[in-house]
Amino acid sequence: MGYIKIITVSVLPGRVYKISAPANASVYYSGQLVGGAGTLNTFVAIEGVNTIRIETPSQLTGTVTLTRILRSYYEPYDGQGGTWAFQPGIDKWQSQYSFRPEWMCMVGNRLVTFRGGAPYIHNGAQNTFYGNAYDSVVAISHSEANNIVKTYRAAAVAGTNPDRMHFRTEEPNVQSSDLVGSEFTIKEGLNYSAVYRDRLSPNVSGSFNQKLNTGDPVRGEVLKSMVVYESANTPKEVRHIGIEFSVSRGHGI
């Protein structure tokens, strides 16, 4: 007989969470298998659902952790201090970084930050801060054809093949879809893939992964998307991101 453990989690509706769990654990959210063998180890949080169920063949050893993977890219302000880069030559905020120090300063020509009372020199492995590896992300907002509702059909990335690409609409409905690296193919020098369907779709039954094939098409006024390189410790390149769409029939007058 296996073991079952229910854990209360703090999650925000509509956001995507990455699951890290022991190899023998199956993780369920809203009654659906979202973590463990045969899954993407991610789930989309639902309003009012704040527990996960963990099933193991023997008593659980190790820890289960959830990491929210969308917040800092689509909604930069989260009420906490962060690290941003400003480029004076073009007078713009260029990028947001994953590390959150308690203080920082320059010592000669080196950036030094402080965490837990200890000083750190930022000259180590790429995307690794204070012993933790982070993803590299390029996030964009696609608003071609103004606020006309569009159906999004495909995406192309010129550069390094992504580990994951996520898509989100908010008007007229919140929708979510994503791709993993193996779903891209090379066409005319571009990493190209069709956009799957809405995994939040209320019009079909099934798991989040099943709804990627059976849910509603991704439609909206603006498409938010991001290219993700997971724990990237070598340089990556993104030269161009292309989104293929068609105008909704409701606007074809």
Protein backbone atom coordinates (compact mmCIF):
# COMPACT_ATOMS: atom_id res chain seq x y z
CA MET A 1 0.00 0.00 0.00
CA GLY A 2 1.34 3.43 -0.92
CA TYR A 3 1.54 6.62 1.08
CA ILE A 4 -0.50 9.77 0.49
CA LYS A 5 0.35 13.22 1.79
CA ILE A 6 -1.70 16.41 1.34
CA ILE A 7 0.22 19.70 1.39
CA THR A 8 -1.22 23.22 1.46
CA VAL A 9 0.51 25.54 -1.03
CA SER A 10 0.42 29.27 -1.68
CA VAL A 11 -0.26 29.81 -5.39
CA LEU A 12 -1.68 32.57 -7.60
CA PRO A 13 -4.45 31.65 -10.09
CA GLY A 14 -3.34 31.54 -13.72
CA ARG A 15 0.37 31.28 -12.91
CA VAL A 16 2.57 28.35 -13.86
CA TYR A 17 4.54 26.44 -11.23
CA LYS A 18 7.48 24.10 -11.69
CA ILE A 19 7.56 21.00 -9.46
CA SER A 20 10.66 19.42 -7.99
CA ALA A 21 9.93 16.10 -6.25
CA PRO A 22 11.68 12.82 -5.35
CA ALA A 23 11.90 10.32 -8.23
CA ASN A 24 9.27 7.95 -6.77
CA ALA A 25 6.66 10.66 -6.09
CA SER A 26 3.52 11.38 -8.12
CA VAL A 27 2.11 14.87 -7.57
CA TYR A 28 -1.58 15.68 -8.14
CA TYR A 29 -3.18 19.12 -8.36
CA SER A 30 -6.94 19.58 -8.77
CA GLY A 31 -7.20 15.80 -9.16
CA GLN A 32 -4.81 15.70 -12.12
CA LEU A 33 -1.33 14.18 -12.30
CA VAL A 34 1.04 17.12 -12.79
CA GLY A 35 4.36 15.89 -11.36
CA GLY A 36 6.34 12.69 -11.73
CA ALA A 37 6.99 10.17 -14.51
CA GLY A 38 5.40 11.09 -17.86
CA THR A 39 4.57 14.71 -16.93
CA LEU A 40 6.13 18.11 -17.62
CA ASN A 41 6.37 18.71 -13.85
CA THR A 42 4.42 21.94 -14.17
CA PHE A 43 0.84 23.05 -13.48
CA VAL A 44 -1.33 26.14 -13.80
CA ALA A 45 -2.83 27.35 -10.53
CA ILE A 46 -6.65 27.53 -10.26
CA GLU A 47 -8.70 29.93 -8.16
CA GLY A 48 -9.53 28.38 -4.78
CA VAL A 49 -7.32 25.28 -5.21
CA ASN A 50 -4.43 25.49 -2.75
CA THR A 51 -3.43 21.90 -2.00
CA ILE A 52 -1.37 19.25 -3.75
CA ARG A 53 -1.52 15.50 -3.16
CA ILE A 54 1.66 13.45 -3.16
CA GLU A 55 1.55 9.69 -3.64
CA THR A 56 4.60 7.45 -3.11
CA PRO A 57 5.01 3.66 -2.94
CA SER A 58 6.78 4.03 0.41
CA GLN A 59 7.08 6.81 2.96
CA LEU A 60 8.09 10.11 1.35
CA THR A 61 11.77 10.92 1.67
CA GLY A 62 13.11 14.22 0.38
CA THR A 63 11.20 17.42 -0.30
CA VAL A 64 8.68 18.69 -2.82
CA THR A 65 9.17 22.31 -3.91
CA LEU A 66 7.17 24.61 -6.17
CA THR A 67 8.76 27.45 -8.13
CA ARG A 68 6.63 30.05 -9.83
CA ILE A 69 8.13 30.51 -13.29
CA LEU A 70 6.08 33.34 -14.82
CA ARG A 71 5.76 36.10 -12.26
CA SER A 72 8.98 38.01 -12.78
CA TYR A 73 8.71 38.05 -16.58
CA TYR A 74 5.12 39.03 -17.28
CA GLU A 75 4.63 41.06 -14.10
CA PRO A 76 8.00 42.56 -13.13
CA TYR A 77 6.77 44.29 -9.98
CA ASP A 78 6.04 41.77 -7.23
CA GLY A 79 6.26 43.97 -4.13
CA GLN A 80 9.83 42.90 -3.39
CA GLY A 81 13.19 44.45 -4.13
CA GLY A 82 14.83 43.29 -7.36
CA THR A 83 17.82 43.89 -9.61
CA TRP A 84 17.43 45.78 -12.89
CA ALA A 85 19.89 47.08 -15.50
CA PHE A 86 19.60 50.58 -17.00
CA GLN A 87 21.41 51.56 -20.19
CA PRO A 88 22.05 55.32 -20.25
CA GLY A 89 22.85 55.47 -23.99
CA ILE A 90 19.30 54.54 -24.99
CA ASP A 91 17.67 55.74 -21.75
CA LYS A 92 15.88 52.45 -21.08
CA TRP A 93 15.63 49.73 -18.47
CA GLN A 94 17.11 46.81 -20.37
CA SER A 95 16.85 43.69 -18.22
CA GLN A 96 15.86 42.15 -14.93
CA TYR A 97 18.15 39.78 -13.05
CA SER A 98 17.29 36.84 -10.81
CA PHE A 99 19.59 37.66 -7.90
CA ARG A 100 18.27 39.71 -4.98
CA PRO A 101 21.13 40.94 -2.80
CA GLU A 102 20.90 42.78 0.49
CA TRP A 103 23.37 45.38 -0.80
CA MET A 104 25.76 45.90 -3.70
CA CYS A 105 28.74 48.05 -4.59
CA MET A 106 31.70 48.29 -6.94
CA VAL A 107 35.15 47.34 -5.71
CA GLY A 108 37.55 48.49 -8.39
CA ASN A 109 35.96 47.21 -11.60
CA ARG A 110 34.12 44.29 -9.97
CA LEU A 111 30.51 44.10 -8.81
CA VAL A 112 30.25 42.85 -5.23
CA THR A 113 26.93 41.99 -3.57
CA PHE A 114 26.07 40.92 -0.05
CA ARG A 115 23.75 38.10 0.98
CA GLY A 116 23.35 36.71 4.47
CA GLY A 117 26.14 39.02 5.64
CA ALA A 118 28.66 37.48 3.21
CA PRO A 119 30.23 39.25 0.18
CA TYR A 120 30.01 37.72 -3.31
CA ILE A 121 32.03 38.62 -6.41
CA HIS A 122 29.98 38.18 -9.60
CA ASN A 123 32.52 36.32 -11.70
CA GLY A 124 31.34 32.72 -11.35
CA ALA A 125 29.25 30.40 -13.49
CA GLN A 126 26.67 32.09 -15.71
CA ASN A 127 23.13 32.30 -14.30
CA THR A 128 24.23 30.96 -10.92
CA PHE A 129 23.77 33.26 -7.94
CA TYR A 130 24.40 32.37 -4.31
CA GLY A 131 24.60 28.69 -5.22
CA ASN A 132 21.30 28.56 -7.18
CA ALA A 133 21.03 28.19 -10.97
CA TYR A 134 18.38 30.28 -12.75
CA ASP A 135 16.72 30.26 -16.16
CA SER A 136 17.41 32.81 -18.89
CA VAL A 137 14.26 34.32 -20.39
CA VAL A 138 13.40 36.65 -23.24
CA ALA A 139 9.82 37.94 -22.86
CA ILE A 140 7.90 39.84 -25.55
CA SER A 141 4.45 41.27 -26.13
CA HIS A 142 2.97 40.77 -29.62
CA SER A 143 0.40 43.44 -30.52
CA GLU A 144 0.49 43.52 -34.32
CA ALA A 145 -2.85 44.54 -35.88
CA ASN A 146 -3.59 46.63 -32.78
CA ASN A 147 -6.41 45.39 -30.51
CA ILE A 148 -8.10 43.18 -33.11
CA VAL A 149 -8.65 39.67 -31.72
CA LYS A 150 -6.26 37.24 -33.40
CA THR A 151 -5.82 33.47 -33.48
CA TYR A 152 -2.19 32.55 -32.87
CA ARG A 153 -0.96 29.68 -35.02
CA ALA A 154 2.82 29.30 -34.91
CA ALA A 155 6.05 30.66 -33.46
CA ALA A 156 9.59 30.85 -34.79
CA VAL A 157 12.82 31.61 -32.94
CA ALA A 158 15.98 32.61 -34.79
CA GLY A 159 18.88 31.57 -32.59
CA THR A 160 19.40 28.85 -30.00
CA ASN A 161 16.57 26.33 -29.80
CA PRO A 162 14.55 27.14 -26.63
CA ASP A 163 14.04 24.67 -23.80
CA ARG A 164 10.51 26.03 -23.44
CA MET A 165 8.32 28.72 -24.95
CA HIS A 166 5.23 29.96 -23.14
CA PHE A 167 2.21 31.88 -24.48
CA ARG A 168 -0.41 33.83 -22.54
CA THR A 169 -3.40 36.00 -23.46
CA GLU A 170 -5.48 38.11 -21.07
CA GLU A 171 -8.10 39.78 -23.28
CA PRO A 172 -10.80 38.72 -23.97
CA ASN A 173 -9.91 35.61 -21.90
CA VAL A 174 -6.96 34.36 -19.88
CA GLN A 175 -5.36 31.52 -21.84
CA SER A 176 -2.11 29.61 -21.45
CA SER A 177 -0.11 27.34 -23.72
CA ASP A 178 3.48 26.27 -24.11
CA LEU A 179 6.01 24.30 -26.12
CA VAL A 180 9.07 22.30 -25.10
CA GLY A 181 12.32 22.25 -27.05
CA SER A 182 11.75 18.90 -28.76
CA GLU A 183 8.57 20.24 -30.39
CA PHE A 184 10.52 22.73 -32.53
CA THR A 185 11.78 21.77 -35.98
CA ILE A 186 14.25 23.63 -38.21
CA LYS A 187 12.58 25.33 -41.17
CA GLU A 188 14.60 27.72 -43.33
CA GLY A 189 17.08 28.20 -40.51
CA LEU A 190 14.44 28.97 -37.84
CA ASN A 191 13.27 26.93 -34.85
CA TYR A 192 9.60 26.60 -35.79
CA SER A 193 6.51 25.06 -34.18
CA ALA A 194 2.74 25.32 -34.29
CA VAL A 195 1.18 26.88 -31.19
CA TYR A 196 -0.82 24.37 -29.17
CA ARG A 197 -4.23 25.09 -27.62
CA ASP A 198 -5.38 26.60 -24.35
CA ARG A 199 -4.58 24.34 -21.40
CA LEU A 200 -6.96 26.36 -19.20
CA SER A 201 -9.89 25.78 -21.56
CA PRO A 202 -13.19 25.37 -19.64
CA ASN A 203 -14.92 23.87 -22.68
CA VAL A 204 -13.21 20.46 -22.69
CA SER A 205 -12.34 17.91 -20.03
CA GLY A 206 -8.96 16.34 -19.35
CA SER A 207 -5.61 17.22 -17.83
CA PHE A 208 -3.68 20.41 -18.58
CA ASN A 209 -1.45 18.44 -20.97
CA GLN A 210 -4.45 16.87 -22.76
CA LYS A 211 -6.07 20.28 -23.21
CA LEU A 212 -2.99 21.46 -25.12
CA ASN A 213 -4.35 19.29 -27.95
CA THR A 214 -8.11 19.50 -27.36
CA GLY A 215 -8.73 22.93 -25.81
CA ASP A 216 -9.77 26.18 -27.49
CA PRO A 217 -7.38 27.88 -29.93
CA VAL A 218 -5.23 30.60 -28.38
CA ARG A 219 -6.97 33.87 -29.26
CA GLY A 220 -6.58 37.38 -27.96
CA GLU A 221 -5.81 41.03 -28.56
CA VAL A 222 -2.22 40.77 -27.33
CA LEU A 223 -0.04 37.68 -26.99
CA LYS A 224 2.51 37.59 -24.21
CA SER A 225 5.21 35.04 -24.83
CA MET A 226 8.59 34.11 -23.50
CA VAL A 227 11.53 32.01 -24.65
CA VAL A 228 13.10 30.06 -21.78
CA TYR A 229 16.56 28.53 -21.49
CA GLU A 230 16.58 26.42 -18.35
CA SER A 231 19.52 26.94 -15.94
CA ALA A 232 21.58 28.16 -18.88
CA ASN A 233 25.29 28.01 -18.00
CA THR A 234 26.53 28.69 -21.55
CA PRO A 235 25.74 31.70 -23.79
CA LYS A 236 22.44 31.57 -25.71
CA GLU A 237 21.36 33.63 -28.70
CA VAL A 238 17.97 35.05 -29.69
CA ARG A 239 18.08 37.19 -32.84
CA HIS A 240 14.40 37.24 -33.73
CA ILE A 241 11.06 35.91 -32.46
CA GLY A 242 8.25 35.58 -34.99
CA ILE A 243 4.56 34.98 -34.28
CA GLU A 244 2.19 33.73 -37.00
CA PHE A 245 -1.48 34.66 -36.60
CA SER A 246 -4.75 35.16 -38.43
CA VAL A 247 -7.36 37.83 -37.72
CA SER A 248 -10.47 36.52 -35.97
CA ARG A 249 -13.42 35.93 -38.29
CA GLY A 250 -15.43 38.28 -36.13
CA HIS A 251 -13.33 41.10 -37.58
CA GLY A 252 -13.41 40.00 -41.21
CA ILE A 253 -15.96 42.61 -42.33
